[in-house]
Amino acid sequence: MRPLVWSAVRNLAQPPDVQATICDGASIDELALDFDAQPWHDEPHPIQHALAELDRLLELMSGTNNAELWTPEALHGPEWQRVREAARRVMTSHQA
C-alpha cells in the first residue's frame, strides 16, 4: 500500500484521543479528507475492497446533516468506532 494511503488509514484506526491529537486543533474532518485525497483504487483487490468499505462509512457520515459527527467528542461515538474497525481491517488485509 502506498505510504500516504497507509498513513491516512493508520490515523483513522487510532483511538479517539490519539485522533484528536492528530488533528491538533484542526477540524476532525481532516482525518477523512486526508484519506479521501489519496489514490487507492489501484491497490490489490483484497485491500481495495477493505478501502472501499472504509470510504463508504466515511461517505455515510459526510454532509451538513451530520455535522455533529465531526467534533472531538463524536470521535468516541459508534460511527467513529465503526470507522476505526474498518481502518483496522484495511491494515489487516494489507498484512495478509
Protein backbone atom coordinates (compact mmCIF):
# COMPACT_ATOMS: atom_id res chain seq x y z
CA MET A 1 0.00 0.00 0.00
CA ARG A 2 1.26 3.47 -0.80
CA PRO A 3 2.81 5.22 2.22
CA LEU A 4 0.38 8.15 2.19
CA VAL A 5 -2.63 5.81 1.96
CA TRP A 6 -1.18 3.73 4.81
CA SER A 7 -0.66 6.85 6.92
CA ALA A 8 -4.23 8.07 6.34
CA VAL A 9 -5.66 4.64 7.20
CA ARG A 10 -3.44 4.34 10.27
CA ASN A 11 -4.74 7.71 11.51
CA LEU A 12 -8.33 6.51 11.03
CA ALA A 13 -7.54 3.37 13.04
CA GLN A 14 -6.17 5.23 16.07
CA PRO A 15 -8.06 5.54 19.38
CA PRO A 16 -10.25 8.66 19.76
CA ASP A 17 -7.81 10.60 21.93
CA VAL A 18 -4.97 9.95 19.50
CA GLN A 19 -7.15 11.04 16.59
CA ALA A 20 -7.96 14.29 18.39
CA THR A 21 -4.24 14.85 18.94
CA ILE A 22 -3.51 14.13 15.27
CA CYS A 23 -5.95 16.90 14.33
CA ASP A 24 -4.26 19.22 16.83
CA GLY A 25 -6.92 21.91 16.78
CA ALA A 26 -7.83 21.42 13.12
CA SER A 27 -11.24 20.14 12.15
CA ILE A 28 -11.85 16.44 12.73
CA ASP A 29 -12.85 16.11 9.09
CA GLU A 30 -9.16 16.37 8.24
CA LEU A 31 -8.91 12.67 9.12
CA ALA A 32 -11.38 11.82 6.36
CA LEU A 33 -10.08 14.44 3.93
CA ASP A 34 -6.57 13.05 4.23
CA PHE A 35 -7.86 9.59 3.33
CA ASP A 36 -10.07 10.95 0.55
CA ALA A 37 -7.11 12.74 -1.04
CA GLN A 38 -5.17 9.51 -1.53
CA PRO A 39 -5.44 7.42 -4.69
CA TRP A 40 -6.29 3.91 -3.53
CA HIS A 41 -8.40 2.47 -6.37
CA ASP A 42 -5.44 0.64 -7.91
CA GLU A 43 -4.44 -1.23 -4.74
CA PRO A 44 -4.68 -5.05 -4.87
CA HIS A 45 -8.26 -6.36 -4.80
CA PRO A 46 -8.48 -7.55 -1.14
CA ILE A 47 -7.07 -4.24 0.09
CA GLN A 48 -9.21 -2.28 -2.37
CA HIS A 49 -12.35 -4.00 -1.04
CA ALA A 50 -11.47 -3.05 2.55
CA LEU A 51 -10.61 0.51 1.47
CA ALA A 52 -13.96 0.81 -0.32
CA GLU A 53 -15.78 -0.21 2.87
CA LEU A 54 -13.88 2.45 4.82
CA ASP A 55 -14.64 5.03 2.15
CA ARG A 56 -18.35 4.12 2.24
CA LEU A 57 -18.53 4.58 6.02
CA LEU A 58 -16.91 8.00 5.79
CA GLU A 59 -19.25 8.96 2.95
CA LEU A 60 -22.27 7.99 5.05
CA MET A 61 -21.03 10.36 7.75
CA SER A 62 -20.49 13.30 5.40
CA GLY A 63 -22.72 16.28 4.75
CA THR A 64 -24.10 19.15 6.74
CA ASN A 65 -26.81 16.91 8.19
CA ASN A 66 -24.05 15.02 10.03
CA ALA A 67 -22.02 17.96 11.31
CA GLU A 68 -22.30 16.61 14.86
CA LEU A 69 -20.17 13.60 13.82
CA TRP A 70 -17.17 15.82 13.11
CA THR A 71 -16.38 17.05 16.62
CA PRO A 72 -13.72 15.79 19.03
CA GLU A 73 -16.49 14.43 21.26
CA ALA A 74 -18.01 12.47 18.38
CA LEU A 75 -14.75 10.53 17.99
CA HIS A 76 -15.94 8.49 21.00
CA GLY A 77 -19.25 7.59 19.30
CA PRO A 78 -20.34 4.45 17.47
CA GLU A 79 -19.88 5.92 13.98
CA TRP A 80 -16.21 6.58 14.58
CA GLN A 81 -15.81 3.19 16.25
CA ARG A 82 -17.05 1.61 13.01
CA VAL A 83 -14.55 3.74 11.05
CA ARG A 84 -11.70 2.62 13.32
CA GLU A 85 -12.72 -1.04 12.91
CA ALA A 86 -12.89 -0.66 9.12
CA ALA A 87 -9.47 1.02 9.07
CA ARG A 88 -8.04 -1.84 11.11
CA ARG A 89 -9.49 -4.32 8.61
CA VAL A 90 -7.67 -2.43 5.85
CA MET A 91 -4.43 -2.71 7.79
CA THR A 92 -5.01 -6.43 8.40
CA SER A 93 -5.81 -7.09 4.73
CA HIS A 94 -2.60 -5.30 3.79
CA GLN A 95 -0.55 -7.54 6.07
CA ALA A 96 -2.19 -10.76 4.84
